[in-house]
PDB file of N, CA and C in Angstrom:
ATOM      1  N   UNK A   1      -0.468  -3.931  75.927  1.00  0.00           N
ATOM      2  CA  UNK A   1      -0.059  -2.709  76.593  1.00  0.00           C
ATOM      3  C   UNK A   1       1.384  -2.801  77.075  1.00  0.00           C
ATOM      4  N   UNK A   2       1.832  -4.030  77.378  1.00  0.00           N
ATOM      5  CA  UNK A   2       3.189  -4.203  77.875  1.00  0.00           C
ATOM      6  C   UNK A   2       4.233  -3.769  76.848  1.00  0.00           C
ATOM      7  N   UNK A   3       3.956  -3.981  75.545  1.00  0.00           N
ATOM      8  CA  UNK A   3       4.903  -3.545  74.519  1.00  0.00           C
ATOM      9  C   UNK A   3       4.913  -2.030  74.388  1.00  0.00           C
ATOM     10  N   UNK A   4       3.774  -1.390  74.607  1.00  0.00           N
ATOM     11  CA  UNK A   4       3.740   0.083  74.615  1.00  0.00           C
ATOM     12  C   UNK A   4       4.594   0.602  75.763  1.00  0.00           C
ATOM     13  N   UNK A   5       4.462  -0.007  76.935  1.00  0.00           N
ATOM     14  CA  UNK A   5       5.289   0.381  78.077  1.00  0.00           C
ATOM     15  C   UNK A   5       6.774   0.206  77.761  1.00  0.00           C
ATOM     16  N   UNK A   6       7.100  -0.881  77.088  1.00  0.00           N
ATOM     17  CA  UNK A   6       8.501  -1.149  76.774  1.00  0.00           C
ATOM     18  C   UNK A   6       9.052  -0.138  75.773  1.00  0.00           C
ATOM     19  N   UNK A   7       8.269   0.210  74.782  1.00  0.00           N
ATOM     20  CA  UNK A   7       8.703   1.229  73.812  1.00  0.00           C
ATOM     21  C   UNK A   7       8.863   2.576  74.508  1.00  0.00           C
ATOM     22  N   UNK A   8       7.922   2.928  75.374  1.00  0.00           N
ATOM     23  CA  UNK A   8       8.054   4.176  76.137  1.00  0.00           C
ATOM     24  C   UNK A   8       9.307   4.155  77.008  1.00  0.00           C
ATOM     25  N   UNK A   9       9.602   3.017  77.612  1.00  0.00           N
ATOM     26  CA  UNK A   9      10.816   2.896  78.423  1.00  0.00           C
ATOM     27  C   UNK A   9      12.050   3.173  77.576  1.00  0.00           C
ATOM     28  N   UNK A  10      12.071   2.641  76.364  1.00  0.00           N
ATOM     29  CA  UNK A  10      13.203   2.884  75.471  1.00  0.00           C
ATOM     30  C   UNK A  10      13.318   4.330  75.045  1.00  0.00           C
ATOM     31  N   UNK A  11      12.187   4.965  74.780  1.00  0.00           N
ATOM     32  CA  UNK A  11      12.202   6.382  74.385  1.00  0.00           C
ATOM     33  C   UNK A  11      12.720   7.247  75.536  1.00  0.00           C
ATOM     34  N   UNK A  12      12.262   6.975  76.746  1.00  0.00           N
ATOM     35  CA  UNK A  12      12.754   7.754  77.882  1.00  0.00           C
ATOM     36  C   UNK A  12      14.222   7.463  78.173  1.00  0.00           C
ATOM     37  N   UNK A  13      14.666   6.257  77.862  1.00  0.00           N
ATOM     38  CA  UNK A  13      16.092   5.929  77.979  1.00  0.00           C
ATOM     39  C   UNK A  13      16.902   6.800  77.022  1.00  0.00           C
ATOM     40  N   UNK A  14      16.403   6.982  75.807  1.00  0.00           N
ATOM     41  CA  UNK A  14      17.072   7.850  74.835  1.00  0.00           C
ATOM     42  C   UNK A  14      17.139   9.280  75.347  1.00  0.00           C
ATOM     43  N   UNK A  15      16.060   9.755  75.937  1.00  0.00           N
ATOM     44  CA  UNK A  15      16.050  11.114  76.486  1.00  0.00           C
ATOM     45  C   UNK A  15      17.101  11.248  77.579  1.00  0.00           C
ATOM     46  N   UNK A  16      17.178  10.258  78.455  1.00  0.00           N
ATOM     47  CA  UNK A  16      18.181  10.288  79.514  1.00  0.00           C
ATOM     48  C   UNK A  16      19.594  10.335  78.964  1.00  0.00           C
ATOM     49  N   UNK A  17      19.875   9.540  77.944  1.00  0.00           N
ATOM     50  CA  UNK A  17      21.210   9.505  77.344  1.00  0.00           C
ATOM     51  C   UNK A  17      21.543  10.843  76.688  1.00  0.00           C
ATOM     52  N   UNK A  18      20.598  11.416  75.965  1.00  0.00           N
ATOM     53  CA  UNK A  18      20.825  12.715  75.332  1.00  0.00           C
ATOM     54  C   UNK A  18      21.075  13.788  76.401  1.00  0.00           C
ATOM     55  N   UNK A  19      20.377  13.688  77.522  1.00  0.00           N
ATOM     56  CA  UNK A  19      20.578  14.674  78.585  1.00  0.00           C
ATOM     57  C   UNK A  19      21.950  14.531  79.259  1.00  0.00           C
ATOM     58  N   UNK A  20      22.501  13.319  79.279  1.00  0.00           N
ATOM     59  CA  UNK A  20      23.872  13.180  79.781  1.00  0.00           C
ATOM     60  C   UNK A  20      24.809  13.984  78.893  1.00  0.00           C
ATOM     61  N   UNK A  21      24.641  13.849  77.585  1.00  0.00           N
ATOM     62  CA  UNK A  21      25.472  14.600  76.644  1.00  0.00           C
ATOM     63  C   UNK A  21      25.268  16.101  76.811  1.00  0.00           C
ATOM     64  N   UNK A  22      24.016  16.515  76.957  1.00  0.00           N
ATOM     65  CA  UNK A  22      23.716  17.939  77.145  1.00  0.00           C
ATOM     66  C   UNK A  22      24.328  18.452  78.443  1.00  0.00           C
ATOM     67  N   UNK A  23      24.290  17.648  79.471  1.00  0.00           N
ATOM     68  CA  UNK A  23      24.837  18.048  80.765  1.00  0.00           C
ATOM     69  C   UNK A  23      26.343  18.267  80.684  1.00  0.00           C
ATOM     70  N   UNK A  24      27.027  17.504  79.867  1.00  0.00           N
ATOM     71  CA  UNK A  24      28.468  17.705  79.690  1.00  0.00           C
ATOM     72  C   UNK A  24      28.769  19.033  79.016  1.00  0.00           C
ATOM     73  N   UNK A  25      27.878  19.486  78.157  1.00  0.00           N
ATOM     74  CA  UNK A  25      28.076  20.728  77.426  1.00  0.00           C
ATOM     75  C   UNK A  25      27.539  21.942  78.180  1.00  0.00           C
ATOM     76  N   UNK A  26      26.457  21.741  78.935  1.00  0.00           N
ATOM     77  CA  UNK A  26      25.768  22.863  79.585  1.00  0.00           C
ATOM     78  C   UNK A  26      25.210  22.384  80.920  1.00  0.00           C
ATOM     79  N   UNK A  27      25.843  22.736  81.980  1.00  0.00           N
ATOM     80  CA  UNK A  27      25.409  22.286  83.314  1.00  0.00           C
ATOM     81  C   UNK A  27      24.225  23.141  83.800  1.00  0.00           C
ATOM     82  N   UNK A  28      23.065  22.863  83.229  1.00  0.00           N
ATOM     83  CA  UNK A  28      21.876  23.615  83.604  1.00  0.00           C
ATOM     84  C   UNK A  28      20.960  22.744  84.454  1.00  0.00           C
ATOM     85  N   UNK A  29      20.146  23.396  85.238  1.00  0.00           N
ATOM     86  CA  UNK A  29      19.193  22.686  86.080  1.00  0.00           C
ATOM     87  C   UNK A  29      18.190  21.908  85.237  1.00  0.00           C
ATOM     88  N   UNK A  30      17.781  22.485  84.121  1.00  0.00           N
ATOM     89  CA  UNK A  30      16.798  21.801  83.267  1.00  0.00           C
ATOM     90  C   UNK A  30      17.374  20.501  82.709  1.00  0.00           C
ATOM     91  N   UNK A  31      18.665  20.493  82.347  1.00  0.00           N
ATOM     92  CA  UNK A  31      19.292  19.271  81.842  1.00  0.00           C
ATOM     93  C   UNK A  31      19.341  18.201  82.929  1.00  0.00           C
ATOM     94  N   UNK A  32      19.652  18.604  84.150  1.00  0.00           N
ATOM     95  CA  UNK A  32      19.689  17.653  85.268  1.00  0.00           C
ATOM     96  C   UNK A  32      18.301  17.081  85.532  1.00  0.00           C
ATOM     97  N   UNK A  33      17.300  17.944  85.539  1.00  0.00           N
ATOM     98  CA  UNK A  33      15.933  17.488  85.797  1.00  0.00           C
ATOM     99  C   UNK A  33      15.430  16.551  84.688  1.00  0.00           C
ATOM    100  N   UNK A  34      15.737  16.900  83.435  1.00  0.00           N
ATOM    101  CA  UNK A  34      15.320  16.041  82.325  1.00  0.00           C
ATOM    102  C   UNK A  34      16.065  14.708  82.341  1.00  0.00           C
ATOM    103  N   UNK A  35      17.322  14.715  82.752  1.00  0.00           N
ATOM    104  CA  UNK A  35      18.085  13.474  82.882  1.00  0.00           C
ATOM    105  C   UNK A  35      17.441  12.565  83.924  1.00  0.00           C
ATOM    106  N   UNK A  36      17.155  13.129  85.085  1.00  0.00           N
ATOM    107  CA  UNK A  36      16.533  12.349  86.163  1.00  0.00           C
ATOM    108  C   UNK A  36      15.146  11.853  85.740  1.00  0.00           C
ATOM    109  N   UNK A  37      14.361  12.726  85.118  1.00  0.00           N
ATOM    110  CA  UNK A  37      13.024  12.335  84.671  1.00  0.00           C
ATOM    111  C   UNK A  37      13.103  11.269  83.581  1.00  0.00           C
ATOM    112  N   UNK A  38      14.022  11.435  82.631  1.00  0.00           N
ATOM    113  CA  UNK A  38      14.155  10.476  81.541  1.00  0.00           C
ATOM    114  C   UNK A  38      14.481   9.084  82.046  1.00  0.00           C
ATOM    115  N   UNK A  39      15.520   8.981  82.885  1.00  0.00           N
ATOM    116  CA  UNK A  39      15.893   7.657  83.391  1.00  0.00           C
ATOM    117  C   UNK A  39      14.858   7.121  84.382  1.00  0.00           C
ATOM    118  N   UNK A  40      14.277   8.000  85.189  1.00  0.00           N
ATOM    119  CA  UNK A  40      13.254   7.547  86.141  1.00  0.00           C
ATOM    120  C   UNK A  40      12.050   6.961  85.433  1.00  0.00           C
ATOM    121  N   UNK A  41      11.556   7.676  84.418  1.00  0.00           N
ATOM    122  CA  UNK A  41      10.405   7.171  83.664  1.00  0.00           C
ATOM    123  C   UNK A  41      10.773   5.924  82.860  1.00  0.00           C
ATOM    124  N   UNK A  42      12.013   5.874  82.390  1.00  0.00           N
ATOM    125  CA  UNK A  42      12.462   4.686  81.676  1.00  0.00           C
ATOM    126  C   UNK A  42      12.380   3.450  82.566  1.00  0.00           C
ATOM    127  N   UNK A  43      12.897   3.551  83.792  1.00  0.00           N
ATOM    128  CA  UNK A  43      12.843   2.410  84.702  1.00  0.00           C
ATOM    129  C   UNK A  43      11.412   2.091  85.121  1.00  0.00           C
ATOM    130  N   UNK A  44      10.595   3.114  85.291  1.00  0.00           N
ATOM    131  CA  UNK A  44       9.194   2.880  85.651  1.00  0.00           C
ATOM    132  C   UNK A  44       8.492   2.066  84.563  1.00  0.00           C
ATOM    133  N   UNK A  45       8.609   2.522  83.307  1.00  0.00           N
ATOM    134  CA  UNK A  45       7.926   1.820  82.224  1.00  0.00           C
ATOM    135  C   UNK A  45       8.536   0.446  81.969  1.00  0.00           C
ATOM    136  N   UNK A  46       9.849   0.307  82.163  1.00  0.00           N
ATOM    137  CA  UNK A  46      10.460  -1.014  82.027  1.00  0.00           C
ATOM    138  C   UNK A  46       9.891  -1.973  83.066  1.00  0.00           C
ATOM    139  N   UNK A  47       9.744  -1.492  84.290  1.00  0.00           N
ATOM    140  CA  UNK A  47       9.196  -2.371  85.334  1.00  0.00           C
ATOM    141  C   UNK A  47       7.750  -2.743  85.047  1.00  0.00           C
ATOM    142  N   UNK A  48       6.972  -1.825  84.485  1.00  0.00           N
ATOM    143  CA  UNK A  48       5.587  -2.135  84.115  1.00  0.00           C
ATOM    144  C   UNK A  48       5.546  -3.178  82.993  1.00  0.00           C
ATOM    145  N   UNK A  49       6.438  -3.033  82.020  1.00  0.00           N
ATOM    146  CA  UNK A  49       6.472  -3.993  80.912  1.00  0.00           C
ATOM    147  C   UNK A  49       6.876  -5.377  81.391  1.00  0.00           C
ATOM    148  N   UNK A  50       7.776  -5.430  82.372  1.00  0.00           N
ATOM    149  CA  UNK A  50       8.275  -6.722  82.842  1.00  0.00           C
ATOM    150  C   UNK A  50       7.281  -7.466  83.718  1.00  0.00           C
ATOM    151  N   UNK A  51       6.133  -6.876  83.982  1.00  0.00           N
ATOM    152  CA  UNK A  51       5.090  -7.614  84.693  1.00  0.00           C
ATOM    153  C   UNK A  51       4.622  -8.807  83.873  1.00  0.00           C
ATOM    154  N   UNK A  52       4.639  -8.651  82.538  1.00  0.00           N
ATOM    155  CA  UNK A  52       4.146  -9.726  81.685  1.00  0.00           C
ATOM    156  C   UNK A  52       5.170 -10.222  80.662  1.00  0.00           C
ATOM    157  N   UNK A  53       6.168  -9.423  80.345  1.00  0.00           N
ATOM    158  CA  UNK A  53       7.189  -9.845  79.383  1.00  0.00           C
ATOM    159  C   UNK A  53       8.342 -10.542  80.093  1.00  0.00           C
ATOM    160  N   UNK A  54       8.958 -11.518  79.436  1.00  0.00           N
ATOM    161  CA  UNK A  54      10.131 -12.153  80.035  1.00  0.00           C
ATOM    162  C   UNK A  54      11.267 -11.134  80.210  1.00  0.00           C
ATOM    163  N   UNK A  55      12.015 -11.280  81.299  1.00  0.00           N
ATOM    164  CA  UNK A  55      13.078 -10.335  81.613  1.00  0.00           C
ATOM    165  C   UNK A  55      14.081 -10.202  80.475  1.00  0.00           C
ATOM    166  N   UNK A  56      14.547 -11.324  79.925  1.00  0.00           N
ATOM    167  CA  UNK A  56      15.560 -11.271  78.878  1.00  0.00           C
ATOM    168  C   UNK A  56      15.096 -10.504  77.652  1.00  0.00           C
ATOM    169  N   UNK A  57      13.872 -10.761  77.232  1.00  0.00           N
ATOM    170  CA  UNK A  57      13.322 -10.067  76.069  1.00  0.00           C
ATOM    171  C   UNK A  57      13.133  -8.587  76.360  1.00  0.00           C
ATOM    172  N   UNK A  58      12.544  -8.268  77.489  1.00  0.00           N
ATOM    173  CA  UNK A  58      12.294  -6.870  77.841  1.00  0.00           C
ATOM    174  C   UNK A  58      13.598  -6.086  77.930  1.00  0.00           C
ATOM    175  N   UNK A  59      14.589  -6.667  78.587  1.00  0.00           N
ATOM    176  CA  UNK A  59      15.856  -5.962  78.757  1.00  0.00           C
ATOM    177  C   UNK A  59      16.563  -5.776  77.417  1.00  0.00           C
ATOM    178  N   UNK A  60      16.549  -6.800  76.565  1.00  0.00           N
ATOM    179  CA  UNK A  60      17.203  -6.706  75.261  1.00  0.00           C
ATOM    180  C   UNK A  60      16.543  -5.639  74.387  1.00  0.00           C
ATOM    181  N   UNK A  61      15.228  -5.621  74.366  1.00  0.00           N
ATOM    182  CA  UNK A  61      14.516  -4.625  73.556  1.00  0.00           C
ATOM    183  C   UNK A  61      14.754  -3.228  74.120  1.00  0.00           C
ATOM    184  N   UNK A  62      14.690  -3.083  75.430  1.00  0.00           N
ATOM    185  CA  UNK A  62      14.905  -1.780  76.087  1.00  0.00           C
ATOM    186  C   UNK A  62      16.292  -1.235  75.777  1.00  0.00           C
ATOM    187  N   UNK A  63      17.308  -2.054  75.941  1.00  0.00           N
ATOM    188  CA  UNK A  63      18.665  -1.578  75.660  1.00  0.00           C
ATOM    189  C   UNK A  63      18.867  -1.346  74.168  1.00  0.00           C
ATOM    190  N   UNK A  64      18.219  -2.161  73.334  1.00  0.00           N
ATOM    191  CA  UNK A  64      18.319  -1.956  71.892  1.00  0.00           C
ATOM    192  C   UNK A  64      17.742  -0.625  71.456  1.00  0.00           C
ATOM    193  N   UNK A  65      16.574  -0.298  71.980  1.00  0.00           N
ATOM    194  CA  UNK A  65      15.960   0.991  71.651  1.00  0.00           C
ATOM    195  C   UNK A  65      16.839   2.124  72.164  1.00  0.00           C
ATOM    196  N   UNK A  66      17.291   2.007  73.402  1.00  0.00           N
ATOM    197  CA  UNK A  66      18.116   3.071  73.979  1.00  0.00           C
ATOM    198  C   UNK A  66      19.431   3.257  73.250  1.00  0.00           C
ATOM    199  N   UNK A  67      20.130   2.154  72.951  1.00  0.00           N
ATOM    200  CA  UNK A  67      21.432   2.244  72.283  1.00  0.00           C
ATOM    201  C   UNK A  67      21.283   2.731  70.843  1.00  0.00           C
ATOM    202  N   UNK A  68      20.348   2.155  70.110  1.00  0.00           N
ATOM    203  CA  UNK A  68      20.144   2.560  68.719  1.00  0.00           C
ATOM    204  C   UNK A  68      19.639   3.995  68.633  1.00  0.00           C
ATOM    205  N   UNK A  69      18.672   4.303  69.466  1.00  0.00           N
ATOM    206  CA  UNK A  69      18.129   5.669  69.469  1.00  0.00           C
ATOM    207  C   UNK A  69      19.168   6.692  69.859  1.00  0.00           C
ATOM    208  N   UNK A  70      19.995   6.361  70.854  1.00  0.00           N
ATOM    209  CA  UNK A  70      21.056   7.277  71.257  1.00  0.00           C
ATOM    210  C   UNK A  70      22.050   7.509  70.133  1.00  0.00           C
ATOM    211  N   UNK A  71      22.410   6.445  69.417  1.00  0.00           N
ATOM    212  CA  UNK A  71      23.339   6.570  68.295  1.00  0.00           C
ATOM    213  C   UNK A  71      22.731   7.418  67.170  1.00  0.00           C
ATOM    214  N   UNK A  72      21.461   7.177  66.881  1.00  0.00           N
ATOM    215  CA  UNK A  72      20.789   7.944  65.822  1.00  0.00           C
ATOM    216  C   UNK A  72      20.681   9.413  66.210  1.00  0.00           C
ATOM    217  N   UNK A  73      20.282   9.684  67.449  1.00  0.00           N
ATOM    218  CA  UNK A  73      20.185  11.082  67.892  1.00  0.00           C
ATOM    219  C   UNK A  73      21.553  11.753  67.909  1.00  0.00           C
ATOM    220  N   UNK A  74      22.591  11.006  68.255  1.00  0.00           N
ATOM    221  CA  UNK A  74      23.946  11.554  68.214  1.00  0.00           C
ATOM    222  C   UNK A  74      24.338  11.956  66.799  1.00  0.00           C
ATOM    223  N   UNK A  75      23.970  11.144  65.829  1.00  0.00           N
ATOM    224  CA  UNK A  75      24.267  11.479  64.435  1.00  0.00           C
ATOM    225  C   UNK A  75      23.452  12.678  63.967  1.00  0.00           C
ATOM    226  N   UNK A  76      22.195  12.743  64.415  1.00  0.00           N
ATOM    227  CA  UNK A  76      21.308  13.812  63.950  1.00  0.00           C
ATOM    228  C   UNK A  76      21.641  15.164  64.568  1.00  0.00           C
ATOM    229  N   UNK A  77      21.938  15.178  65.880  1.00  0.00           N
ATOM    230  CA  UNK A  77      22.037  16.452  66.581  1.00  0.00           C
ATOM    231  C   UNK A  77      23.424  16.812  67.101  1.00  0.00           C
ATOM    232  N   UNK A  78      24.328  15.844  67.172  1.00  0.00           N
ATOM    233  CA  UNK A  78      25.616  16.109  67.805  1.00  0.00           C
ATOM    234  C   UNK A  78      26.806  15.852  66.886  1.00  0.00           C
ATOM    235  N   UNK A  79      26.567  15.724  65.601  1.00  0.00           N
ATOM    236  CA  UNK A  79      27.650  15.617  64.636  1.00  0.00           C
ATOM    237  C   UNK A  79      28.464  14.336  64.715  1.00  0.00           C
ATOM    238  N   UNK A  80      27.896  13.282  65.278  1.00  0.00           N
ATOM    239  CA  UNK A  80      28.626  12.019  65.318  1.00  0.00           C
ATOM    240  C   UNK A  80      28.701  11.455  63.903  1.00  0.00           C
ATOM    241  N   UNK A  81      29.735  10.651  63.638  1.00  0.00           N
ATOM    242  CA  UNK A  81      29.933  10.149  62.273  1.00  0.00           C
ATOM    243  C   UNK A  81      28.719   9.402  61.734  1.00  0.00           C
ATOM    244  N   UNK A  82      28.439   9.643  60.451  1.00  0.00           N
ATOM    245  CA  UNK A  82      27.363   8.946  59.750  1.00  0.00           C
ATOM    246  C   UNK A  82      28.005   8.162  58.615  1.00  0.00           C
ATOM    247  N   UNK A  83      27.987   6.877  58.743  1.00  0.00           N
ATOM    248  CA  UNK A  83      28.471   6.072  57.632  1.00  0.00           C
ATOM    249  C   UNK A  83      27.643   4.799  57.547  1.00  0.00           C
ATOM    250  N   UNK A  84      27.825   4.117  56.441  1.00  0.00           N
ATOM    251  CA  UNK A  84      26.987   2.947  56.169  1.00  0.00           C
ATOM    252  C   UNK A  84      27.154   1.868  57.234  1.00  0.00           C
ATOM    253  N   UNK A  85      28.366   1.651  57.723  1.00  0.00           N
ATOM    254  CA  UNK A  85      28.579   0.597  58.713  1.00  0.00           C
ATOM    255  C   UNK A  85      27.854   0.888  60.008  1.00  0.00           C
ATOM    256  N   UNK A  86      27.832   2.134  60.442  1.00  0.00           N
ATOM    257  CA  UNK A  86      27.080   2.473  61.664  1.00  0.00           C
ATOM    258  C   UNK A  86      25.598   2.170  61.481  1.00  0.00           C
ATOM    259  N   UNK A  87      25.059   2.534  60.330  1.00  0.00           N
ATOM    260  CA  UNK A  87      23.643   2.285  60.051  1.00  0.00           C
ATOM    261  C   UNK A  87      23.373   0.778  60.017  1.00  0.00           C
ATOM    262  N   UNK A  88      24.261   0.012  59.412  1.00  0.00           N
ATOM    263  CA  UNK A  88      24.092  -1.443  59.340  1.00  0.00           C
ATOM    264  C   UNK A  88      24.052  -2.036  60.745  1.00  0.00           C
ATOM    265  N   UNK A  89      24.979  -1.624  61.600  1.00  0.00           N
ATOM    266  CA  UNK A  89      25.028  -2.204  62.940  1.00  0.00           C
ATOM    267  C   UNK A  89      23.869  -1.740  63.821  1.00  0.00           C
ATOM    268  N   UNK A  90      23.407  -0.516  63.631  1.00  0.00           N
ATOM    269  CA  UNK A  90      22.206  -0.065  64.345  1.00  0.00           C
ATOM    270  C   UNK A  90      21.013  -0.916  63.906  1.00  0.00           C
ATOM    271  N   UNK A  91      20.914  -1.162  62.603  1.00  0.00           N
ATOM    272  CA  UNK A  91      19.824  -2.000  62.090  1.00  0.00           C
ATOM    273  C   UNK A  91      19.920  -3.414  62.642  1.00  0.00           C
ATOM    274  N   UNK A  92      21.138  -3.916  62.827  1.00  0.00           N
ATOM    275  CA  UNK A  92      21.300  -5.253  63.390  1.00  0.00           C
ATOM    276  C   UNK A  92      20.810  -5.307  64.836  1.00  0.00           C
ATOM    277  N   UNK A  93      21.091  -4.269  65.609  1.00  0.00           N
ATOM    278  CA  UNK A  93      20.618  -4.221  66.996  1.00  0.00           C
ATOM    279  C   UNK A  93      19.097  -4.239  67.017  1.00  0.00           C
ATOM    280  N   UNK A  94      18.491  -3.384  66.213  1.00  0.00           N
ATOM    281  CA  UNK A  94      17.029  -3.333  66.172  1.00  0.00           C
ATOM    282  C   UNK A  94      16.446  -4.639  65.631  1.00  0.00           C
ATOM    283  N   UNK A  95      17.079  -5.210  64.623  1.00  0.00           N
ATOM    284  CA  UNK A  95      16.615  -6.486  64.077  1.00  0.00           C
ATOM    285  C   UNK A  95      16.695  -7.605  65.103  1.00  0.00           C
ATOM    286  N   UNK A  96      17.718  -7.577  65.931  1.00  0.00           N
ATOM    287  CA  UNK A  96      17.844  -8.587  66.984  1.00  0.00           C
ATOM    288  C   UNK A  96      16.714  -8.466  67.997  1.00  0.00           C
ATOM    289  N   UNK A  97      16.348  -7.232  68.342  1.00  0.00           N
ATOM    290  CA  UNK A  97      15.250  -7.033  69.280  1.00  0.00           C
ATOM    291  C   UNK A  97      13.934  -7.544  68.689  1.00  0.00           C
ATOM    292  N   UNK A  98      13.705  -7.268  67.418  1.00  0.00           N
ATOM    293  CA  UNK A  98      12.497  -7.768  66.754  1.00  0.00           C
ATOM    294  C   UNK A  98      12.536  -9.290  66.699  1.00  0.00           C
ATOM    295  N   UNK A  99      13.712  -9.855  66.412  1.00  0.00           N
ATOM    296  CA  UNK A  99      13.844 -11.307  66.373  1.00  0.00           C
ATOM    297  C   UNK A  99      13.498 -11.950  67.704  1.00  0.00           C
ATOM    298  N   UNK A 100      13.924 -11.339  68.803  1.00  0.00           N
ATOM    299  CA  UNK A 100      13.574 -11.864  70.124  1.00  0.00           C
ATOM    300  C   UNK A 100      12.061 -11.897  70.326  1.00  0.00           C
ATOM    301  N   UNK A 101      11.396 -10.875  69.853  1.00  0.00           N
ATOM    302  CA  UNK A 101       9.933 -10.841  69.972  1.00  0.00           C
ATOM    303  C   UNK A 101       9.310 -11.964  69.147  1.00  0.00           C
ATOM    304  N   UNK A 102       9.847 -12.192  67.968  1.00  0.00           N
ATOM    305  CA  UNK A 102       9.260 -13.171  67.073  1.00  0.00           C
ATOM    306  C   UNK A 102       9.447 -14.614  67.579  1.00  0.00           C
ATOM    307  N   UNK A 103      10.558 -14.891  68.223  1.00  0.00           N
ATOM    308  CA  UNK A 103      10.786 -16.262  68.689  1.00  0.00           C
ATOM    309  C   UNK A 103      10.328 -16.480  70.125  1.00  0.00           C
ATOM    310  N   UNK A 104      10.026 -15.392  70.837  1.00  0.00           N
ATOM    311  CA  UNK A 104       9.640 -15.519  72.234  1.00  0.00           C
ATOM    312  C   UNK A 104       8.239 -15.398  72.456  1.00  0.00           C
TER     313      UNK A 104
END
C-alpha cells in the first residue's frame, strides 16, 4: 500500500505543478484551491508512504514522478518543446526511480 500512496503523492504533485502554471495564466479561485489541494494531498500521501519506505527512496520517486509528469503535461497541454532528448532525459529520471526500488 505504501507504493500506492507514493504514486498518488506523485500524481498530486503533478496536479499542483500544473496549477501553478494555470495560476500564472488565469488567477481564478478554482486554480488556487486546486493548487493547495494538489500539494496538500501530495504531502499527505508522501508522509503516509514514508511510514514504511526509506526517506531517500520515497523522496527520489516522488520528485521523479512530479518532475517527469510535469514535463510531460507541459509538452501535452502547454506547448513546451517536444524532442527526443527531452524524452530520453525524462525516461532516465523515471528509470532512476525504478532502479532505486530495485536495489532498495
